[in-house]
C-alpha cells in the first residue's frame, strides 16, 4: 500500500477558528475519498502556534526547531491543503510570511488544494486573485476546484442550496484524492520524484568537478578583477 504524506497548513488566528474547521473538513474529505490502494497520513501545521518563530526567522534568517520541522514537512509533502482567513481582500500576513520562508523550488510539482474563509461571500475571489498566483509562482500544481467558506456558510439552513459548503468540501476532497492517485500511479508521487531529481542534480554539482561550496570564488577575489 502506498502512503501519501498530506500536509494541511492552516492560518486561523482564533482558537477555535473557522479556518481550522475548514482545514480539518477538507483533510477528512480527501482521506475518505482516497483509494483502497493508498493510505493518507495527514499532518496539520497550525501557523498560529508558529507566529513568533516566523517573525524571528524573517529578521534573523534562522528558523526555530519547530518552524524548521514545519517547513520540512511542507517541502516533503506529497500534497498540500492550505487555508487562510481573508484580511483586507487577500491572504493573511501570517500565511504569506510562512510561505515566504519555503525554499523557492521546494513545492515544484506539488499538488495543492486551496481554501479560504471570510466574513462574506464578496471575498471569495481571493482564492483566484491571491492564492492561486502565489502557488503558481512557487511552481505548485493547484487543484482547479477551491473552497471558500463565508460566515453564513456555517449557519443553519446554509446547506440547502446545491448541498452548500459540505457538498463543495466533498467535491474538492474527491477531486484532490483523484489527482493524488493519478500522480502516484506508479507508486511514487510526482512531486517526490522531482524533489529526488533536484537533490541528485545538486549532488552532482557538489561532486568532483562541480561548482560545490569549496569551489566558490571568494567575493573579494571577484572584486580584485574589477
Protein backbone atom coordinates (compact mmCIF):
# COMPACT_ATOMS: atom_id res chain seq x y z
CA UNK A 1 0.00 0.00 0.00
CA UNK A 2 1.33 3.43 -0.99
CA UNK A 3 1.33 6.02 1.82
CA UNK A 4 0.81 9.62 0.80
CA UNK A 5 2.06 12.42 3.02
CA UNK A 6 -0.63 15.11 3.13
CA UNK A 7 0.21 18.34 4.98
CA UNK A 8 -2.53 20.82 5.89
CA UNK A 9 -1.39 24.39 6.58
CA UNK A 10 -3.96 26.47 8.43
CA UNK A 11 -3.54 30.16 9.26
CA UNK A 12 -6.51 30.84 11.52
CA UNK A 13 -5.83 33.13 14.46
CA UNK A 14 -8.66 32.18 16.78
CA UNK A 15 -8.95 29.02 18.79
CA UNK A 16 -11.23 27.50 17.72
CA UNK A 17 -11.43 29.08 14.26
CA UNK A 18 -13.50 28.54 11.14
CA UNK A 19 -10.22 28.38 9.19
CA UNK A 20 -9.06 25.35 11.20
CA UNK A 21 -12.54 23.82 10.89
CA UNK A 22 -12.46 24.12 7.10
CA UNK A 23 -8.92 22.70 7.06
CA UNK A 24 -9.95 19.65 9.07
CA UNK A 25 -13.03 19.01 6.94
CA UNK A 26 -11.03 19.23 3.71
CA UNK A 27 -8.42 16.81 5.07
CA UNK A 28 -11.17 14.40 6.14
CA UNK A 29 -12.80 14.58 2.71
CA UNK A 30 -9.50 13.78 0.98
CA UNK A 31 -8.79 10.78 3.20
CA UNK A 32 -12.33 9.47 2.79
CA UNK A 33 -12.03 9.55 -0.99
CA UNK A 34 -8.53 8.06 -1.14
CA UNK A 35 -8.48 4.77 -2.99
CA UNK A 36 -8.14 1.41 -1.28
CA UNK A 37 -4.55 1.19 -2.50
CA UNK A 38 -3.49 4.42 -0.79
CA UNK A 39 -3.13 5.38 2.85
CA UNK A 40 -3.10 9.10 3.62
CA UNK A 41 -1.03 10.36 6.53
CA UNK A 42 -2.29 13.85 7.47
CA UNK A 43 -0.07 16.30 9.31
CA UNK A 44 -1.51 19.70 10.32
CA UNK A 45 0.70 22.79 10.56
CA UNK A 46 -1.01 25.41 12.76
CA UNK A 47 0.63 28.73 11.87
CA UNK A 48 -0.91 30.42 14.90
CA UNK A 49 1.48 28.45 17.09
CA UNK A 50 4.47 29.46 14.95
CA UNK A 51 3.75 33.19 14.60
CA UNK A 52 6.63 34.38 16.80
CA UNK A 53 9.05 31.87 15.26
CA UNK A 54 8.11 33.04 11.76
CA UNK A 55 8.72 36.69 12.68
CA UNK A 56 12.05 35.84 14.27
CA UNK A 57 13.11 33.86 11.20
CA UNK A 58 12.28 36.78 8.91
CA UNK A 59 14.60 39.12 10.81
CA UNK A 60 17.33 36.66 11.83
CA UNK A 61 17.39 34.22 8.93
CA UNK A 62 17.33 31.22 11.27
CA UNK A 63 14.28 29.03 11.95
CA UNK A 64 13.48 27.56 15.33
CA UNK A 65 13.34 23.78 15.57
CA UNK A 66 9.54 23.83 15.47
CA UNK A 67 9.43 26.13 12.43
CA UNK A 68 12.18 24.15 10.71
CA UNK A 69 10.18 20.95 11.20
CA UNK A 70 7.07 22.62 9.75
CA UNK A 71 8.95 23.91 6.70
CA UNK A 72 10.48 20.48 6.15
CA UNK A 73 7.07 18.82 6.39
CA UNK A 74 5.65 21.19 3.77
CA UNK A 75 8.63 20.72 1.46
CA UNK A 76 8.43 16.92 1.73
CA UNK A 77 4.65 16.66 1.33
CA UNK A 78 3.09 14.66 -1.49
CA UNK A 79 0.13 17.02 -1.33
CA UNK A 80 -0.83 20.24 0.47
CA UNK A 81 -4.07 21.68 1.79
CA UNK A 82 -3.68 25.39 2.51
CA UNK A 83 -6.36 27.53 4.17
CA UNK A 84 -6.13 31.18 5.14
CA UNK A 85 -8.53 33.76 6.55
CA UNK A 86 -9.10 36.81 4.36
CA UNK A 87 -7.61 40.07 5.60
CA UNK A 88 -8.01 43.27 3.53
CA UNK A 89 -9.02 41.30 0.44
CA UNK A 90 -6.05 38.91 0.43
CA UNK A 91 -4.38 36.11 2.38
CA UNK A 92 -3.27 36.90 5.92
CA UNK A 93 0.21 38.26 6.60
CA UNK A 94 0.97 35.21 8.75
CA UNK A 95 0.10 32.88 5.87
CA UNK A 96 2.23 34.80 3.36
CA UNK A 97 5.15 35.15 5.77
CA UNK A 98 5.27 31.39 6.28
CA UNK A 99 5.36 30.62 2.57
CA UNK A 100 7.99 33.34 2.09
CA UNK A 101 10.26 31.04 4.12
CA UNK A 102 9.67 27.95 1.94
CA UNK A 103 12.57 27.25 -0.42
CA UNK A 104 11.77 28.58 -3.93
CA UNK A 105 11.81 25.17 -5.66
CA UNK A 106 10.51 23.07 -2.77
CA UNK A 107 6.90 22.97 -4.00
CA UNK A 108 7.60 22.34 -7.67
CA UNK A 109 5.01 19.83 -8.91
CA UNK A 110 3.33 19.51 -5.51
CA UNK A 111 -0.48 19.27 -5.71
CA UNK A 112 -2.22 21.96 -3.62
CA UNK A 113 -5.85 22.26 -2.56
CA UNK A 114 -6.72 25.91 -1.89
CA UNK A 115 -9.12 27.11 0.78
CA UNK A 116 -10.05 30.39 2.44
CA UNK A 117 -12.50 31.78 4.96
CA UNK A 118 -14.04 35.23 5.23
CA UNK A 119 -16.88 37.23 6.67
CA UNK A 120 -18.90 37.48 3.45
CA UNK A 121 -19.04 35.81 0.06
CA UNK A 122 -17.74 39.01 -1.59
CA UNK A 123 -14.25 37.87 -0.52
CA UNK A 124 -14.50 34.56 -2.36
CA UNK A 125 -12.37 35.67 -5.33
CA UNK A 126 -9.34 35.90 -3.03
CA UNK A 127 -8.66 32.30 -3.98
CA UNK A 128 -8.25 33.26 -7.63
CA UNK A 129 -6.54 36.66 -7.42
CA UNK A 130 -4.24 35.98 -4.46
CA UNK A 131 -3.81 32.32 -3.53
CA UNK A 132 -3.60 30.76 -6.98
CA UNK A 133 -0.96 33.22 -8.29
CA UNK A 134 1.14 32.68 -5.16
CA UNK A 135 1.31 28.92 -5.62
CA UNK A 136 1.75 29.23 -9.36
CA UNK A 137 4.82 31.34 -8.62
CA UNK A 138 6.05 28.52 -6.37
CA UNK A 139 5.54 26.09 -9.30
CA UNK A 140 2.95 24.09 -7.38
CA UNK A 141 0.08 22.28 -9.07
CA UNK A 142 -3.15 23.86 -7.78
CA UNK A 143 -6.42 21.98 -7.97
CA UNK A 144 -8.92 23.88 -10.19
CA UNK A 145 -11.62 23.43 -7.55
CA UNK A 146 -11.06 25.55 -4.43
CA UNK A 147 -13.25 26.08 -1.37
CA UNK A 148 -14.20 29.43 0.16
CA UNK A 149 -16.33 29.48 3.29
CA UNK A 150 -18.10 32.66 4.40
CA UNK A 151 -19.60 33.10 7.85
CA UNK A 152 -23.10 32.36 6.51
CA UNK A 153 -21.92 29.01 5.12
CA UNK A 154 -21.67 27.67 8.67
CA UNK A 155 -25.15 28.84 9.75
CA UNK A 156 -28.42 26.97 9.96
CA UNK A 157 -30.02 26.42 6.55
CA UNK A 158 -26.79 27.17 4.70
CA UNK A 159 -26.57 23.63 3.36
CA UNK A 160 -29.85 23.63 1.42
CA UNK A 161 -28.81 25.23 -1.88
CA UNK A 162 -26.89 22.77 -4.03
CA UNK A 163 -25.65 20.93 -0.98
CA UNK A 164 -23.91 24.06 0.34
CA UNK A 165 -20.48 24.01 1.91
CA UNK A 166 -20.45 20.26 2.75
CA UNK A 167 -21.04 19.42 -0.92
CA UNK A 168 -18.25 21.77 -2.04
CA UNK A 169 -15.87 20.28 0.51
CA UNK A 170 -16.77 16.77 -0.59
CA UNK A 171 -16.26 17.63 -4.26
CA UNK A 172 -12.88 19.22 -3.63
CA UNK A 173 -11.79 16.28 -1.45
CA UNK A 174 -12.81 13.76 -4.10
CA UNK A 175 -11.06 15.64 -6.92
CA UNK A 176 -7.91 16.13 -4.87
CA UNK A 177 -7.79 12.47 -3.86
CA UNK A 178 -8.20 11.51 -7.52
CA UNK A 179 -5.39 13.89 -8.51
CA UNK A 180 -3.06 12.45 -5.87
CA UNK A 181 -3.88 8.93 -7.02
CA UNK A 182 -3.16 9.76 -10.68
CA UNK A 183 0.14 11.44 -9.85
CA UNK A 184 1.11 8.42 -7.77
CA UNK A 185 0.02 5.95 -10.44
CA UNK A 186 3.42 4.27 -10.47
CA UNK A 187 3.55 4.15 -6.69
CA UNK A 188 5.72 7.28 -6.31
CA UNK A 189 4.08 10.75 -6.27
CA UNK A 190 5.41 13.06 -8.98
CA UNK A 191 6.42 15.77 -6.50
CA UNK A 192 8.60 13.26 -4.66
CA UNK A 193 10.23 12.16 -7.92
CA UNK A 194 11.01 15.78 -8.86
CA UNK A 195 12.46 16.51 -5.42
CA UNK A 196 14.71 13.46 -5.69
CA UNK A 197 15.81 14.57 -9.15
CA UNK A 198 16.67 18.06 -7.89
CA UNK A 199 18.58 16.57 -4.97
CA UNK A 200 20.52 14.31 -7.33
CA UNK A 201 21.35 17.28 -9.52
CA UNK A 202 22.66 19.21 -6.52
CA UNK A 203 24.80 16.22 -5.51
CA UNK A 204 26.34 16.25 -8.99
CA UNK A 205 27.12 19.96 -8.67
CA UNK A 206 28.78 19.35 -5.34
CA UNK A 207 30.77 16.39 -6.62
CA UNK A 208 34.18 16.29 -8.31
CA UNK A 209 34.48 18.99 -10.95
CA UNK A 210 31.21 20.61 -9.90
CA UNK A 211 30.64 24.08 -8.51
CA UNK A 212 30.41 22.91 -4.92
CA UNK A 213 30.86 25.02 -1.83
CA UNK A 214 34.64 24.52 -1.83
CA UNK A 215 34.85 25.82 -5.42
CA UNK A 216 33.04 29.12 -4.83
CA UNK A 217 35.28 32.09 -5.68
CA UNK A 218 35.61 34.49 -2.71
CA UNK A 219 33.84 37.81 -3.24
CA UNK A 220 36.97 39.85 -2.58
CA UNK A 221 38.75 37.90 -5.33
CA UNK A 222 35.97 38.76 -7.77
CA UNK A 223 36.23 42.43 -6.82
CA UNK A 224 40.00 42.38 -7.36
CA UNK A 225 39.47 41.85 -11.07
CA UNK A 226 37.35 44.99 -11.45
